[in-house]
Amino acid sequence: MNHYIMIRRLRGPAYLLLVGALALLNEADILSWGKSWPFFLILAGVLLLAERAALAAGGGYPQGPYTGQPYAGPIAGTRQSSNLGANLENAPQAGNSASVQAFEQDPGKEPEGGQS
Protein backbone atom coordinates (compact mmCIF):
# COMPACT_ATOMS: atom_id res chain seq x y z
CA MET A 1 0.00 0.00 0.00
CA ASN A 2 1.18 3.50 -0.77
CA HIS A 3 2.35 5.45 2.30
CA TYR A 4 0.40 8.53 1.21
CA ILE A 5 -2.87 6.58 1.20
CA MET A 6 -2.06 5.05 4.59
CA ILE A 7 -1.46 8.48 6.14
CA ARG A 8 -4.69 9.80 4.63
CA ARG A 9 -6.60 6.86 6.10
CA LEU A 10 -5.09 7.44 9.55
CA ARG A 11 -6.18 11.09 9.70
CA GLY A 12 -9.60 10.38 11.26
CA PRO A 13 -8.36 7.91 13.88
CA ALA A 14 -5.54 10.32 14.82
CA TYR A 15 -8.05 13.09 15.53
CA LEU A 16 -10.21 10.64 17.48
CA LEU A 17 -7.26 9.62 19.63
CA LEU A 18 -6.43 13.27 20.23
CA VAL A 19 -9.99 14.01 21.34
CA GLY A 20 -9.89 11.02 23.70
CA ALA A 21 -6.57 12.07 25.21
CA LEU A 22 -7.79 15.64 25.65
CA ALA A 23 -11.00 14.37 27.27
CA LEU A 24 -8.92 12.41 29.79
CA LEU A 25 -6.79 15.49 30.49
CA ASN A 26 -9.94 17.55 30.94
CA GLU A 27 -11.42 15.05 33.41
CA ALA A 28 -8.19 15.04 35.40
CA ASP A 29 -8.27 18.87 35.51
CA ILE A 30 -4.87 19.05 33.80
CA LEU A 31 -5.96 20.82 30.60
CA SER A 32 -9.32 22.39 29.77
CA TRP A 33 -11.06 22.13 26.39
CA GLY A 34 -10.68 25.86 25.81
CA LYS A 35 -6.89 25.67 25.92
CA SER A 36 -6.50 22.50 23.87
CA TRP A 37 -7.07 23.95 20.37
CA PRO A 38 -3.32 24.24 19.57
CA PHE A 39 -3.05 20.44 19.72
CA PHE A 40 -5.47 20.14 16.79
CA LEU A 41 -3.35 22.57 14.75
CA ILE A 42 -0.18 20.69 15.65
CA LEU A 43 -1.72 17.36 14.64
CA ALA A 44 -2.95 18.82 11.34
CA GLY A 45 0.53 20.17 10.60
CA VAL A 46 2.25 16.89 11.45
CA LEU A 47 -0.15 14.94 9.23
CA LEU A 48 0.35 17.36 6.32
CA LEU A 49 4.13 17.12 6.66
CA ALA A 50 3.91 13.32 6.71
CA GLU A 51 1.71 13.34 3.58
CA ARG A 52 4.12 15.60 1.71
CA ALA A 53 7.07 13.44 2.73
CA ALA A 54 5.24 10.33 1.52
CA LEU A 55 4.43 12.05 -1.80
CA ALA A 56 8.06 13.12 -2.26
CA ALA A 57 9.33 9.62 -1.52
CA GLY A 58 6.69 7.91 -3.66
CA GLY A 59 7.07 10.11 -6.74
CA GLY A 60 3.71 11.90 -6.76
CA TYR A 61 0.07 11.20 -6.24
CA PRO A 62 -1.03 7.56 -6.53
CA GLN A 63 -3.10 6.55 -9.54
CA GLY A 64 -6.73 5.71 -8.91
CA PRO A 65 -8.70 2.83 -10.38
CA TYR A 66 -9.44 4.88 -13.52
CA THR A 67 -6.98 4.86 -16.38
CA GLY A 68 -7.69 8.41 -17.51
CA GLN A 69 -8.79 7.45 -21.02
CA PRO A 70 -10.59 10.20 -22.97
CA TYR A 71 -14.31 10.02 -23.62
CA ALA A 72 -14.93 7.57 -26.46
CA GLY A 73 -18.29 9.00 -27.55
CA PRO A 74 -21.75 7.44 -27.50
CA ILE A 75 -22.20 3.71 -27.27
CA ALA A 76 -22.65 1.99 -30.63
CA GLY A 77 -26.25 1.18 -31.43
CA THR A 78 -27.80 4.08 -29.52
CA ARG A 79 -29.50 6.99 -31.22
CA GLN A 80 -28.69 10.50 -30.04
CA SER A 81 -31.41 13.09 -30.56
CA SER A 82 -30.71 16.82 -30.57
CA ASN A 83 -34.40 17.65 -30.05
CA LEU A 84 -35.46 16.96 -26.46
CA GLY A 85 -39.17 17.02 -27.35
CA ALA A 86 -38.85 14.35 -30.03
CA ASN A 87 -39.40 11.55 -27.53
CA LEU A 88 -42.67 13.10 -26.33
CA GLU A 89 -44.43 12.21 -29.59
CA ASN A 90 -44.14 8.50 -28.84
CA ALA A 91 -44.99 8.83 -25.14
CA PRO A 92 -48.30 7.33 -23.98
CA GLN A 93 -51.02 9.88 -23.33
CA ALA A 94 -52.56 9.93 -19.87
CA GLY A 95 -56.19 10.99 -19.34
CA ASN A 96 -58.94 11.54 -21.90
CA SER A 97 -58.84 13.48 -25.15
CA ALA A 98 -60.76 16.44 -23.68
CA SER A 99 -57.95 17.19 -21.23
CA VAL A 100 -55.41 16.94 -24.05
CA GLN A 101 -57.47 19.38 -26.16
CA ALA A 102 -57.72 21.79 -23.24
CA PHE A 103 -53.93 21.82 -22.96
CA GLU A 104 -53.49 22.53 -26.64
CA GLN A 105 -55.81 25.54 -26.63
CA ASP A 106 -54.88 29.06 -25.65
CA PRO A 107 -55.35 29.33 -21.87
CA GLY A 108 -56.91 32.80 -22.13
CA LYS A 109 -59.85 31.77 -24.34
CA GLU A 110 -62.84 29.57 -23.70
CA PRO A 111 -63.38 26.53 -25.95
CA GLU A 112 -66.61 28.07 -27.36
CA GLY A 113 -65.09 31.55 -27.68
CA GLY A 114 -67.39 33.22 -25.11
CA GLN A 115 -66.83 34.57 -21.65
CA SER A 116 -68.22 33.06 -18.48
C-alpha atoms as a PDB file:
ATOM      1  CA  MET A   1       0.000   0.000   0.000  1.00  0.00           C
ATOM      2  CA  ASN A   2       1.177   3.504  -0.771  1.00  0.00           C
ATOM      3  CA  HIS A   3       2.355   5.453   2.300  1.00  0.00           C
ATOM      4  CA  TYR A   4       0.403   8.532   1.209  1.00  0.00           C
ATOM      5  CA  ILE A   5      -2.866   6.585   1.202  1.00  0.00           C
ATOM      6  CA  MET A   6      -2.056   5.050   4.587  1.00  0.00           C
ATOM      7  CA  ILE A   7      -1.459   8.475   6.144  1.00  0.00           C
ATOM      8  CA  ARG A   8      -4.691   9.799   4.626  1.00  0.00           C
ATOM      9  CA  ARG A   9      -6.600   6.862   6.102  1.00  0.00           C
ATOM     10  CA  LEU A  10      -5.087   7.437   9.550  1.00  0.00           C
ATOM     11  CA  ARG A  11      -6.183  11.085   9.697  1.00  0.00           C
ATOM     12  CA  GLY A  12      -9.605  10.384  11.263  1.00  0.00           C
ATOM     13  CA  PRO A  13      -8.360   7.912  13.877  1.00  0.00           C
ATOM     14  CA  ALA A  14      -5.537  10.319  14.817  1.00  0.00           C
ATOM     15  CA  TYR A  15      -8.051  13.087  15.535  1.00  0.00           C
ATOM     16  CA  LEU A  16     -10.214  10.641  17.477  1.00  0.00           C
ATOM     17  CA  LEU A  17      -7.258   9.615  19.631  1.00  0.00           C
ATOM     18  CA  LEU A  18      -6.426  13.273  20.233  1.00  0.00           C
ATOM     19  CA  VAL A  19      -9.990  14.011  21.341  1.00  0.00           C
ATOM     20  CA  GLY A  20      -9.890  11.020  23.697  1.00  0.00           C
ATOM     21  CA  ALA A  21      -6.574  12.065  25.213  1.00  0.00           C
ATOM     22  CA  LEU A  22      -7.794  15.637  25.655  1.00  0.00           C
ATOM     23  CA  ALA A  23     -10.996  14.368  27.266  1.00  0.00           C
ATOM     24  CA  LEU A  24      -8.925  12.412  29.786  1.00  0.00           C
ATOM     25  CA  LEU A  25      -6.792  15.491  30.489  1.00  0.00           C
ATOM     26  CA  ASN A  26      -9.940  17.546  30.943  1.00  0.00           C
ATOM     27  CA  GLU A  27     -11.421  15.049  33.405  1.00  0.00           C
ATOM     28  CA  ALA A  28      -8.189  15.039  35.401  1.00  0.00           C
ATOM     29  CA  ASP A  29      -8.267  18.873  35.510  1.00  0.00           C
ATOM     30  CA  ILE A  30      -4.868  19.052  33.799  1.00  0.00           C
ATOM     31  CA  LEU A  31      -5.961  20.816  30.596  1.00  0.00           C
ATOM     32  CA  SER A  32      -9.319  22.392  29.771  1.00  0.00           C
ATOM     33  CA  TRP A  33     -11.056  22.131  26.390  1.00  0.00           C
ATOM     34  CA  GLY A  34     -10.683  25.857  25.809  1.00  0.00           C
ATOM     35  CA  LYS A  35      -6.894  25.667  25.923  1.00  0.00           C
ATOM     36  CA  SER A  36      -6.504  22.503  23.868  1.00  0.00           C
ATOM     37  CA  TRP A  37      -7.072  23.952  20.368  1.00  0.00           C
ATOM     38  CA  PRO A  38      -3.322  24.241  19.570  1.00  0.00           C
ATOM     39  CA  PHE A  39      -3.046  20.444  19.722  1.00  0.00           C
ATOM     40  CA  PHE A  40      -5.467  20.140  16.786  1.00  0.00           C
ATOM     41  CA  LEU A  41      -3.351  22.569  14.746  1.00  0.00           C
ATOM     42  CA  ILE A  42      -0.183  20.693  15.649  1.00  0.00           C
ATOM     43  CA  LEU A  43      -1.720  17.355  14.641  1.00  0.00           C
ATOM     44  CA  ALA A  44      -2.950  18.818  11.337  1.00  0.00           C
ATOM     45  CA  GLY A  45       0.535  20.167  10.599  1.00  0.00           C
ATOM     46  CA  VAL A  46       2.253  16.887  11.447  1.00  0.00           C
ATOM     47  CA  LEU A  47      -0.148  14.939   9.230  1.00  0.00           C
ATOM     48  CA  LEU A  48       0.349  17.357   6.324  1.00  0.00           C
ATOM     49  CA  LEU A  49       4.127  17.115   6.663  1.00  0.00           C
ATOM     50  CA  ALA A  50       3.915  13.324   6.706  1.00  0.00           C
ATOM     51  CA  GLU A  51       1.708  13.340   3.584  1.00  0.00           C
ATOM     52  CA  ARG A  52       4.122  15.595   1.707  1.00  0.00           C
ATOM     53  CA  ALA A  53       7.074  13.444   2.734  1.00  0.00           C
ATOM     54  CA  ALA A  54       5.241  10.334   1.515  1.00  0.00           C
ATOM     55  CA  LEU A  55       4.433  12.054  -1.799  1.00  0.00           C
ATOM     56  CA  ALA A  56       8.060  13.122  -2.262  1.00  0.00           C
ATOM     57  CA  ALA A  57       9.334   9.622  -1.522  1.00  0.00           C
ATOM     58  CA  GLY A  58       6.687   7.910  -3.664  1.00  0.00           C
ATOM     59  CA  GLY A  59       7.067  10.107  -6.742  1.00  0.00           C
ATOM     60  CA  GLY A  60       3.706  11.901  -6.760  1.00  0.00           C
ATOM     61  CA  TYR A  61       0.067  11.201  -6.238  1.00  0.00           C
ATOM     62  CA  PRO A  62      -1.033   7.564  -6.533  1.00  0.00           C
ATOM     63  CA  GLN A  63      -3.098   6.553  -9.545  1.00  0.00           C
ATOM     64  CA  GLY A  64      -6.726   5.712  -8.905  1.00  0.00           C
ATOM     65  CA  PRO A  65      -8.705   2.835 -10.377  1.00  0.00           C
ATOM     66  CA  TYR A  66      -9.439   4.881 -13.517  1.00  0.00           C
ATOM     67  CA  THR A  67      -6.983   4.862 -16.384  1.00  0.00           C
ATOM     68  CA  GLY A  68      -7.685   8.407 -17.512  1.00  0.00           C
ATOM     69  CA  GLN A  69      -8.785   7.453 -21.024  1.00  0.00           C
ATOM     70  CA  PRO A  70     -10.594  10.195 -22.966  1.00  0.00           C
ATOM     71  CA  TYR A  71     -14.310  10.023 -23.620  1.00  0.00           C
ATOM     72  CA  ALA A  72     -14.928   7.573 -26.464  1.00  0.00           C
ATOM     73  CA  GLY A  73     -18.289   9.002 -27.551  1.00  0.00           C
ATOM     74  CA  PRO A  74     -21.750   7.441 -27.497  1.00  0.00           C
ATOM     75  CA  ILE A  75     -22.201   3.715 -27.268  1.00  0.00           C
ATOM     76  CA  ALA A  76     -22.652   1.990 -30.627  1.00  0.00           C
ATOM     77  CA  GLY A  77     -26.250   1.178 -31.425  1.00  0.00           C
ATOM     78  CA  THR A  78     -27.800   4.082 -29.515  1.00  0.00           C
ATOM     79  CA  ARG A  79     -29.505   6.990 -31.218  1.00  0.00           C
ATOM     80  CA  GLN A  80     -28.686  10.498 -30.044  1.00  0.00           C
ATOM     81  CA  SER A  81     -31.409  13.093 -30.557  1.00  0.00           C
ATOM     82  CA  SER A  82     -30.708  16.821 -30.570  1.00  0.00           C
ATOM     83  CA  ASN A  83     -34.399  17.653 -30.046  1.00  0.00           C
ATOM     84  CA  LEU A  84     -35.457  16.960 -26.464  1.00  0.00           C
ATOM     85  CA  GLY A  85     -39.168  17.016 -27.346  1.00  0.00           C
ATOM     86  CA  ALA A  86     -38.846  14.351 -30.031  1.00  0.00           C
ATOM     87  CA  ASN A  87     -39.404  11.550 -27.531  1.00  0.00           C
ATOM     88  CA  LEU A  88     -42.666  13.102 -26.331  1.00  0.00           C
ATOM     89  CA  GLU A  89     -44.428  12.213 -29.587  1.00  0.00           C
ATOM     90  CA  ASN A  90     -44.144   8.501 -28.835  1.00  0.00           C
ATOM     91  CA  ALA A  91     -44.986   8.831 -25.139  1.00  0.00           C
ATOM     92  CA  PRO A  92     -48.298   7.329 -23.980  1.00  0.00           C
ATOM     93  CA  GLN A  93     -51.019   9.882 -23.327  1.00  0.00           C
ATOM     94  CA  ALA A  94     -52.560   9.932 -19.870  1.00  0.00           C
ATOM     95  CA  GLY A  95     -56.186  10.989 -19.344  1.00  0.00           C
ATOM     96  CA  ASN A  96     -58.935  11.537 -21.903  1.00  0.00           C
ATOM     97  CA  SER A  97     -58.836  13.480 -25.148  1.00  0.00           C
ATOM     98  CA  ALA A  98     -60.763  16.443 -23.675  1.00  0.00           C
ATOM     99  CA  SER A  99     -57.951  17.193 -21.232  1.00  0.00           C
ATOM    100  CA  VAL A 100     -55.406  16.945 -24.050  1.00  0.00           C
ATOM    101  CA  GLN A 101     -57.467  19.378 -26.163  1.00  0.00           C
ATOM    102  CA  ALA A 102     -57.722  21.793 -23.237  1.00  0.00           C
ATOM    103  CA  PHE A 103     -53.932  21.817 -22.958  1.00  0.00           C
ATOM    104  CA  GLU A 104     -53.494  22.529 -26.645  1.00  0.00           C
ATOM    105  CA  GLN A 105     -55.813  25.542 -26.625  1.00  0.00           C
ATOM    106  CA  ASP A 106     -54.880  29.061 -25.648  1.00  0.00           C
ATOM    107  CA  PRO A 107     -55.349  29.330 -21.866  1.00  0.00           C
ATOM    108  CA  GLY A 108     -56.908  32.801 -22.126  1.00  0.00           C
ATOM    109  CA  LYS A 109     -59.855  31.775 -24.344  1.00  0.00           C
ATOM    110  CA  GLU A 110     -62.839  29.570 -23.695  1.00  0.00           C
ATOM    111  CA  PRO A 111     -63.383  26.532 -25.948  1.00  0.00           C
ATOM    112  CA  GLU A 112     -66.610  28.070 -27.358  1.00  0.00           C
ATOM    113  CA  GLY A 113     -65.087  31.554 -27.683  1.00  0.00           C
ATOM    114  CA  GLY A 114     -67.391  33.225 -25.111  1.00  0.00           C
ATOM    115  CA  GLN A 115     -66.833  34.566 -21.652  1.00  0.00           C
ATOM    116  CA  SER A 116     -68.217  33.055 -18.482  1.00  0.00           C
END
